[in-house]
Protein backbone atom coordinates (compact mmCIF):
# COMPACT_ATOMS: atom_id res chain seq x y z
CA MET A 1 -4.68 -13.65 -10.55
CA ALA A 2 -4.44 -12.42 -14.14
CA ILE A 3 -7.18 -13.94 -16.28
CA ASP A 4 -7.22 -14.75 -19.98
CA LEU A 5 -10.90 -14.72 -20.91
CA ASN A 6 -10.48 -17.23 -23.75
CA GLU A 7 -8.87 -19.72 -21.37
CA LEU A 8 -11.54 -19.02 -18.77
CA ASN A 9 -14.29 -19.84 -21.29
CA SER A 10 -12.64 -22.82 -22.99
CA ASP A 11 -10.66 -24.72 -20.33
CA ASP A 12 -12.59 -26.25 -17.44
CA ARG A 13 -9.42 -26.82 -15.39
CA TYR A 14 -8.41 -23.19 -15.79
CA ARG A 15 -11.89 -22.02 -14.80
CA THR A 16 -12.01 -24.29 -11.76
CA VAL A 17 -8.71 -22.95 -10.45
CA ALA A 18 -9.77 -19.35 -11.11
CA MET A 19 -13.04 -19.88 -9.25
CA ASN A 20 -11.67 -21.78 -6.28
CA GLN A 21 -8.17 -20.48 -5.61
CA PHE A 22 -8.19 -16.68 -5.99
CA ASN A 23 -10.30 -13.81 -4.64
CA SER A 24 -8.97 -10.98 -6.81
CA ILE A 25 -8.90 -10.91 -10.60
CA THR A 26 -6.98 -8.77 -13.09
CA ALA A 27 -7.74 -8.86 -16.81
CA GLU A 28 -4.52 -9.90 -18.52
CA ASN A 29 -5.33 -8.14 -21.79
CA ILE A 30 -8.97 -7.27 -22.43
CA PHE A 31 -8.93 -4.00 -20.46
CA LYS A 32 -6.00 -2.66 -22.49
CA PRO A 33 -6.81 0.08 -25.03
CA VAL A 34 -6.36 -2.02 -28.18
CA TYR A 35 -9.15 -4.34 -26.98
CA LEU A 36 -11.41 -1.94 -25.11
CA HIS A 37 -11.22 1.11 -27.41
CA PRO A 38 -10.52 -0.25 -30.92
CA ASN A 39 -11.82 2.81 -32.79
CA GLU A 40 -12.11 6.45 -31.85
CA ASN A 41 -15.86 6.36 -31.34
CA THR A 42 -16.20 2.66 -30.54
CA PHE A 43 -15.74 0.96 -27.19
CA ASN A 44 -15.86 -2.83 -27.06
CA TRP A 45 -17.42 -3.77 -23.74
CA VAL A 46 -18.42 -7.37 -24.58
CA GLU A 47 -15.42 -9.33 -23.29
CA ALA A 48 -14.72 -7.00 -20.38
CA ASP A 49 -18.33 -7.19 -19.25
CA GLN A 50 -18.12 -10.99 -19.36
CA LEU A 51 -15.24 -10.80 -16.92
CA VAL A 52 -17.19 -8.38 -14.73
CA ASP A 53 -20.07 -10.87 -14.67
CA PHE A 54 -17.70 -13.70 -13.73
CA CYS A 55 -16.30 -11.66 -10.85
CA GLU A 56 -19.70 -10.57 -9.60
CA THR A 57 -21.11 -14.10 -9.81
CA ASN A 58 -18.13 -15.60 -7.99
CA ASN A 59 -17.54 -12.77 -5.51
CA LYS A 60 -14.13 -11.73 -6.88
CA ARG A 61 -12.58 -8.29 -6.60
CA LEU A 62 -11.76 -6.91 -10.07
CA HIS A 63 -8.64 -4.83 -10.75
CA GLY A 64 -8.51 -2.83 -14.00
CA HIS A 65 -5.30 -3.07 -16.03
CA THR A 66 -4.59 -0.60 -17.59
CA LEU A 67 -6.00 2.80 -18.58
CA ILE A 68 -2.85 4.46 -19.97
CA TRP A 69 0.14 2.60 -21.42
CA HIS A 70 2.45 3.15 -24.37
CA ASN A 71 1.99 -0.42 -25.65
CA GLN A 72 -1.03 -2.28 -27.03
CA LEU A 73 -2.56 0.89 -28.41
CA PRO A 74 -5.04 0.77 -31.29
CA SER A 75 -3.78 2.20 -34.57
CA TRP A 76 -6.21 5.12 -34.42
CA ILE A 77 -4.47 6.43 -31.28
CA GLU A 78 -1.00 5.94 -32.76
CA ASN A 79 -2.12 7.85 -35.88
CA PHE A 80 -4.25 10.48 -34.13
CA GLU A 81 -3.67 14.00 -35.41
CA GLY A 82 -4.40 17.22 -33.62
CA THR A 83 -3.12 19.85 -31.22
CA SER A 84 -2.09 19.20 -27.65
CA SER A 85 -5.60 20.22 -26.62
CA ASP A 86 -7.11 17.73 -29.07
CA TRP A 87 -4.95 14.99 -27.63
CA ASP A 88 -5.93 15.98 -24.10
CA LEU A 89 -9.63 15.80 -24.96
CA MET A 90 -9.20 12.39 -26.58
CA PHE A 91 -7.16 11.20 -23.60
CA LYS A 92 -9.80 12.42 -21.15
CA LYS A 93 -12.65 10.81 -23.10
CA HIS A 94 -10.79 7.50 -23.22
CA ILE A 95 -10.21 7.42 -19.46
CA GLN A 96 -13.55 8.77 -18.34
CA THR A 97 -15.70 6.68 -20.66
CA ILE A 98 -14.02 3.52 -19.39
CA CYS A 99 -14.08 4.50 -15.71
CA THR A 100 -17.72 5.56 -15.93
CA HIS A 101 -18.73 2.31 -17.61
CA PHE A 102 -17.11 0.21 -14.89
CA LYS A 103 -17.95 2.46 -11.95
CA GLY A 104 -18.81 0.33 -8.93
CA LYS A 105 -17.68 -2.85 -10.73
CA VAL A 106 -13.92 -2.35 -10.97
CA SER A 107 -12.48 -1.78 -7.50
CA SER A 108 -9.12 -0.37 -8.58
CA TRP A 109 -7.18 0.73 -11.65
CA ASP A 110 -3.66 0.76 -12.91
CA VAL A 111 -4.17 4.30 -14.14
CA VAL A 112 -0.73 4.71 -15.70
CA ASN A 113 1.58 1.82 -16.54
CA GLU A 114 5.35 1.88 -17.03
CA ALA A 115 5.92 5.62 -17.45
CA PHE A 116 9.53 5.54 -16.22
CA GLU A 117 12.77 4.19 -17.61
CA ASP A 118 14.99 2.16 -15.31
CA ASN A 119 17.36 5.13 -14.89
CA GLY A 120 14.56 7.25 -13.44
CA GLU A 121 13.82 9.34 -16.52
CA LEU A 122 10.29 9.70 -17.81
CA ARG A 123 9.72 7.37 -20.74
CA ASN A 124 9.14 9.35 -23.93
CA THR A 125 5.76 7.80 -24.65
CA ILE A 126 3.31 9.01 -27.25
CA TRP A 127 1.25 10.52 -24.42
CA ARG A 128 4.20 12.53 -23.16
CA GLN A 129 5.09 13.64 -26.69
CA LYS A 130 1.57 14.87 -27.47
CA ILE A 131 0.27 16.09 -24.09
CA GLY A 132 3.42 16.74 -22.07
CA ASP A 133 4.71 15.53 -18.72
CA SER A 134 1.39 16.49 -17.14
CA TYR A 135 -0.33 13.52 -18.80
CA ILE A 136 0.37 11.42 -15.69
CA GLU A 137 -1.25 13.92 -13.34
CA LYS A 138 -4.20 14.39 -15.70
CA ALA A 139 -4.78 10.65 -15.96
CA PHE A 140 -5.26 10.31 -12.21
CA VAL A 141 -7.45 13.40 -12.01
CA TYR A 142 -9.68 12.23 -14.87
CA ALA A 143 -10.01 8.72 -13.44
CA HIS A 144 -10.92 10.03 -10.00
CA GLU A 145 -13.50 12.43 -11.42
CA SER A 146 -15.28 9.52 -13.09
CA ASP A 147 -15.10 7.05 -10.20
CA PRO A 148 -14.23 8.70 -6.86
CA ASP A 149 -14.42 5.37 -5.01
CA ALA A 150 -11.89 3.49 -7.14
CA VAL A 151 -8.41 2.86 -5.73
CA LEU A 152 -5.88 4.34 -8.17
CA PHE A 153 -2.42 2.84 -8.78
CA TYR A 154 0.71 3.60 -10.69
CA ASN A 155 2.16 0.29 -11.97
CA ASP A 156 5.72 -0.54 -13.07
CA TYR A 157 8.45 -3.17 -13.16
CA ASN A 158 11.96 -3.18 -11.55
CA ILE A 159 10.80 -0.92 -8.73
CA ALA A 160 12.74 -3.00 -6.23
CA SER A 161 15.85 -3.64 -8.32
CA LYS A 162 16.33 -0.13 -9.78
CA LYS A 163 16.72 2.42 -6.99
CA ALA A 164 16.88 5.43 -9.34
CA LYS A 165 13.57 4.42 -10.85
CA ARG A 166 11.92 3.99 -7.48
CA GLN A 167 13.20 7.34 -6.23
CA ALA A 168 11.94 9.11 -9.36
CA ILE A 169 8.53 7.49 -8.99
CA LEU A 170 8.26 8.55 -5.36
CA GLU A 171 9.49 12.06 -6.11
CA LEU A 172 6.86 12.59 -8.80
CA PHE A 173 3.92 11.04 -7.00
CA ASN A 174 4.71 12.62 -3.65
CA SER A 175 4.76 16.01 -5.36
CA LEU A 176 1.46 15.29 -7.11
CA ARG A 177 -0.11 14.17 -3.86
CA GLN A 178 0.93 17.45 -2.26
CA LYS A 179 -1.13 19.15 -4.98
CA GLY A 180 -4.12 17.00 -4.04
CA VAL A 181 -3.91 14.52 -6.92
CA PRO A 182 -5.52 11.22 -5.84
CA ILE A 183 -2.80 8.54 -6.07
CA HIS A 184 -3.50 5.73 -3.66
CA GLY A 185 -0.98 3.04 -4.43
CA ILE A 186 1.99 1.66 -6.32
CA GLY A 187 1.88 -1.60 -8.25
CA MET A 188 5.14 -3.53 -8.08
CA GLN A 189 4.97 -5.93 -11.02
CA MET A 190 7.28 -8.59 -9.50
CA HIS A 191 8.36 -10.35 -12.67
CA ILE A 192 11.32 -11.81 -10.81
CA SER A 193 13.45 -14.95 -10.71
CA ILE A 194 14.57 -17.39 -8.05
CA ASP A 195 17.69 -15.32 -7.32
CA TYR A 196 16.91 -11.78 -8.58
CA PRO A 197 16.38 -9.27 -7.16
CA LYS A 198 17.81 -9.98 -3.75
CA ASN A 199 15.27 -10.08 -0.96
CA LYS A 200 16.90 -7.12 0.78
CA LYS A 201 16.16 -4.92 -2.22
CA ILE A 202 12.52 -5.98 -2.18
CA GLU A 203 12.38 -5.25 1.55
CA ASN A 204 13.89 -1.79 1.02
CA ALA A 205 11.34 -0.97 -1.68
CA LEU A 206 8.41 -2.13 0.43
CA THR A 207 9.63 -0.01 3.33
CA GLU A 208 10.13 3.13 1.27
CA LEU A 209 6.76 2.88 -0.48
CA SER A 210 4.77 2.10 2.64
CA ASP A 211 6.60 4.73 4.71
CA ASP A 212 5.38 7.28 2.16
CA GLY A 213 1.82 6.06 2.62
CA TYR A 214 1.19 4.11 -0.57
CA LYS A 215 -0.85 0.96 -0.79
CA ILE A 216 1.31 -1.70 -2.41
CA HIS A 217 0.04 -4.22 -4.93
CA PHE A 218 2.34 -7.07 -5.93
CA SER A 219 0.59 -6.79 -9.25
CA GLU A 220 2.19 -9.25 -11.69
CA ILE A 221 3.96 -12.03 -9.82
CA ASP A 222 5.82 -14.77 -11.62
CA ILE A 223 9.07 -16.32 -10.47
CA SER A 224 11.29 -17.52 -13.30
CA VAL A 225 13.35 -20.66 -12.74
CA ASN A 226 15.19 -20.21 -16.05
CA PRO A 227 15.93 -16.50 -16.53
CA ASN A 228 18.94 -17.19 -18.78
CA GLY A 229 17.02 -19.42 -21.19
CA LYS A 230 19.11 -22.56 -20.76
CA ASP A 231 18.08 -26.12 -21.60
CA ILE A 232 16.57 -27.30 -18.35
CA GLU A 233 14.32 -29.91 -16.83
CA PRO A 234 11.98 -28.90 -14.03
CA SER A 235 13.38 -30.41 -10.87
CA THR A 236 12.67 -30.62 -7.16
CA GLU A 237 15.65 -28.36 -6.53
CA LEU A 238 14.41 -25.65 -8.89
CA TYR A 239 10.88 -25.82 -7.55
CA ASP A 240 12.10 -25.66 -3.95
CA CYS A 241 14.14 -22.54 -4.77
CA GLN A 242 11.05 -21.00 -6.35
CA ALA A 243 8.99 -21.84 -3.28
CA ASP A 244 11.62 -20.32 -1.00
CA LYS A 245 11.65 -17.09 -3.04
CA LEU A 246 7.88 -16.65 -2.90
CA THR A 247 7.86 -17.49 0.80
CA ALA A 248 10.49 -14.83 1.46
CA ILE A 249 8.74 -12.05 -0.45
CA THR A 250 5.36 -12.97 1.02
CA LYS A 251 6.78 -12.67 4.54
CA LEU A 252 8.30 -9.31 3.66
CA TYR A 253 4.97 -8.14 2.25
CA LYS A 254 3.14 -9.19 5.40
CA GLU A 255 5.55 -7.11 7.51
CA ILE A 256 4.36 -3.78 6.11
CA PRO A 257 1.35 -2.22 7.85
CA SER A 258 -1.86 -3.97 6.88
CA GLU A 259 -3.46 -0.77 5.56
CA TYR A 260 -0.83 -0.69 2.81
CA GLN A 261 -1.27 -4.33 1.75
CA TYR A 262 -3.57 -4.23 -1.27
CA GLY A 263 -2.91 -7.76 -2.48
CA MET A 264 -0.76 -10.18 -4.44
CA THR A 265 -1.65 -11.02 -8.05
CA PHE A 266 -0.05 -13.87 -10.01
CA TRP A 267 0.42 -13.22 -13.72
CA GLY A 268 -1.29 -16.36 -14.97
CA VAL A 269 -2.73 -19.60 -13.66
CA SER A 270 -0.59 -22.52 -14.78
CA ASP A 271 2.86 -22.69 -16.32
CA GLN A 272 1.30 -23.36 -19.71
CA ASN A 273 -0.40 -19.95 -19.55
CA THR A 274 2.70 -17.88 -18.80
CA TRP A 275 3.57 -14.98 -21.07
CA ILE A 276 7.28 -15.70 -20.53
CA ARG A 277 7.37 -18.68 -22.87
CA THR A 278 5.90 -16.81 -25.82
CA PHE A 279 7.43 -13.38 -25.21
CA PHE A 280 10.98 -14.57 -24.52
CA GLY A 281 10.81 -17.86 -26.38
CA ARG A 282 12.29 -19.86 -23.51
CA GLU A 283 11.36 -22.79 -21.36
CA ASP A 284 10.17 -21.69 -17.94
CA TYR A 285 7.89 -22.71 -15.09
CA PRO A 286 7.12 -19.50 -13.17
CA LEU A 287 3.64 -19.99 -11.69
CA LEU A 288 1.81 -21.82 -8.89
CA PHE A 289 0.42 -24.66 -11.00
CA ASP A 290 2.23 -26.87 -13.50
CA ASP A 291 1.20 -27.47 -17.12
CA ASP A 292 -1.39 -30.01 -16.00
CA TYR A 293 -2.82 -27.70 -13.32
CA ASN A 294 -1.25 -29.69 -10.49
CA THR A 295 -0.04 -27.70 -7.51
CA LYS A 296 3.71 -27.18 -7.18
CA PRO A 297 5.85 -26.74 -4.04
CA VAL A 298 5.57 -22.96 -4.53
CA TYR A 299 1.78 -23.22 -4.15
CA CYS A 300 2.00 -25.31 -1.00
CA LYS A 301 4.53 -23.07 0.75
CA PHE A 302 2.63 -19.95 -0.31
CA LYS A 303 -0.54 -21.24 1.35
CA GLU A 304 1.41 -22.04 4.51
CA THR A 305 2.87 -18.53 4.57
CA LEU A 306 -0.34 -16.57 4.08
């Protein structure tokens, strides 16, 4: 489950669900560069260490999200000046300082997040512009050097629905693996809806990724019941469709070899915590618990399917 530390500290219902219902935690925001590395020579460990303490106290696995992304960067990175070598040194320090600090506490990392466009082309991020295409390879090497025991993931959205994207991801990471670069898994974000993508596409993606030997993390699950932003009322019919969708993808996930099943992470606790409402400005109910932290049909069927 993705955790918002403010909610965890301020809402007893949120905290109770987080403690009792989930065994793996991802920081929703506080591990991102803008929070963790606000100034060039300043790392802010306070909030992240609080989450580490929560996980250790409550026996939760902690997944780090994310070391390298093109969004939520502090202004000092966006305005950094220097040669390609200067950028590489800064990049390496950023990754290795973080991985060293959390060594033995964070079990796995989304090392690079969303580096591909849906058409399969590399996204022209600031990291690519300043360091070159090799920034992806370097990120995994630097992370592994600092914490050899951490499980390292590439994380992205639309992996199931966009075949060109998936093929480009596999082509790159298979080639890097052949060079000995430690890439252990692929995070499929799974921001999906009750009818998209089709289950067959999800099945195809799971098969291709696991056949190539990647651990698969359903890393950011939410199932929209209102993807088109209409005026709706939550209904039994909508909630049953949502439950059926999660049941279907959970069964597909369980069909891949167990050694490639890293876990399923929901992107939020209750519907009131979902990023969808604020980001897209629409009414939606995509998570396991409703606005009052009551379980929904999707929760009940998910537990039956596990």
